[in-house]
Protein backbone atom coordinates (compact mmCIF):
# COMPACT_ATOMS: atom_id res chain seq x y z
CA MET A 1 66.52 102.60 76.44
CA TRP A 2 67.54 103.42 79.98
CA LYS A 3 65.17 104.40 82.81
CA ASP A 4 66.16 108.03 82.37
CA GLY A 5 65.07 107.92 78.71
CA HIS A 6 68.62 107.86 77.33
CA ARG A 7 69.23 105.54 74.41
CA THR A 8 72.57 103.79 73.85
CA VAL A 9 73.58 102.17 70.56
CA LEU A 10 76.66 99.96 70.74
CA PRO A 11 78.16 98.30 67.66
CA PHE A 12 78.83 94.56 68.02
CA GLN A 13 82.55 95.15 67.43
CA HIS A 14 82.77 97.63 70.31
CA LEU A 15 80.88 95.29 72.65
CA ARG A 16 83.11 92.33 71.81
CA GLU A 17 86.34 94.34 72.05
CA SER A 18 85.20 95.65 75.44
CA CYS A 19 84.37 92.23 76.89
CA PRO A 20 84.90 92.47 80.66
CA CYS A 21 85.78 88.81 81.29
CA ALA A 22 89.07 87.78 82.92
CA SER A 23 90.41 86.19 79.73
CA CYS A 24 89.84 89.31 77.63
CA ASN A 25 91.23 91.54 80.39
CA ASP A 26 94.38 89.38 80.50
CA LEU A 27 94.75 89.56 76.72
CA ARG A 28 94.42 93.36 76.79
CA LYS A 29 97.07 93.61 79.53
CA LYS A 30 99.51 91.43 77.58
CA PHE A 31 98.88 92.56 74.00
CA GLY A 32 96.90 95.83 74.07
CA PRO A 33 93.40 96.43 72.74
CA LEU A 34 91.49 93.51 71.25
CA VAL A 35 90.89 93.80 67.52
CA ILE A 36 87.67 92.22 66.27
CA ASN A 37 86.51 92.15 62.65
CA LYS A 38 83.39 94.31 62.54
CA ASP A 39 82.18 92.63 59.35
CA THR A 40 82.02 89.13 60.81
CA ILE A 41 81.33 89.43 64.55
CA ARG A 42 77.75 88.68 65.56
CA ILE A 43 75.79 87.96 68.71
CA THR A 44 74.28 84.48 68.71
CA GLU A 45 72.49 84.64 72.06
CA ILE A 46 71.91 86.93 75.02
CA ARG A 47 70.95 85.63 78.47
CA PRO A 48 70.06 87.70 81.50
CA VAL A 49 72.27 87.27 84.56
CA GLY A 50 70.00 87.97 87.48
CA ARG A 51 68.77 91.55 87.38
CA TYR A 52 72.20 93.11 87.00
CA ALA A 53 73.78 91.96 83.74
CA LEU A 54 73.70 90.19 80.38
CA ASN A 55 75.76 87.23 79.25
CA ILE A 56 76.48 87.70 75.54
CA PHE A 57 77.34 84.72 73.33
CA TRP A 58 79.38 85.49 70.20
CA ASN A 59 79.77 83.68 66.88
CA ASP A 60 83.54 83.44 67.51
CA GLY A 61 82.76 81.01 70.37
CA HIS A 62 83.36 83.50 73.18
CA GLN A 63 80.71 83.45 75.92
CA THR A 64 82.27 84.26 79.28
CA GLY A 65 81.65 88.01 79.35
CA ILE A 66 79.13 89.22 81.91
CA TYR A 67 78.11 92.73 80.88
CA ALA A 68 76.68 94.54 83.93
CA TRP A 69 74.11 97.25 83.18
CA GLU A 70 76.43 99.91 84.63
CA PHE A 71 79.28 98.67 82.43
CA LEU A 72 77.07 98.79 79.32
CA ARG A 73 76.03 102.34 80.13
CA SER A 74 79.69 103.31 80.60
CA LEU A 75 80.37 102.17 77.02
CA CYS A 76 77.87 104.66 75.56
CA PRO A 77 79.71 106.66 72.89
CA CYS A 78 77.39 109.68 72.84
CA GLY A 79 78.71 113.14 73.62
CA ASP A 80 76.69 113.56 76.82
CA CYS A 81 77.92 110.27 78.27
CA ARG A 82 81.52 111.01 77.30
CA LYS A 83 81.20 114.26 79.26
CA GLY A 84 79.71 112.36 82.22
CA GLN A 85 76.21 113.77 81.81
CA GLY A 86 74.39 110.65 80.55
């Protein structure tokens, strides 16, 4: 839950496909959107990065994504956030 009381629920698949690391960004530029199997992808560990982000470790071995709080909020799929109100 965010400080403003808003709650965001993000499926693992969406988080992994949205990974902001340089490697994933390069792959998206070359080949288009990442496609991750929603039935098998899992988080194995989450570590805080200072006070501004989370480093998420995935069961596919990927671990270089630093998910800033602002970035995570921008991924919120709710109607209010999609309209820019969240």
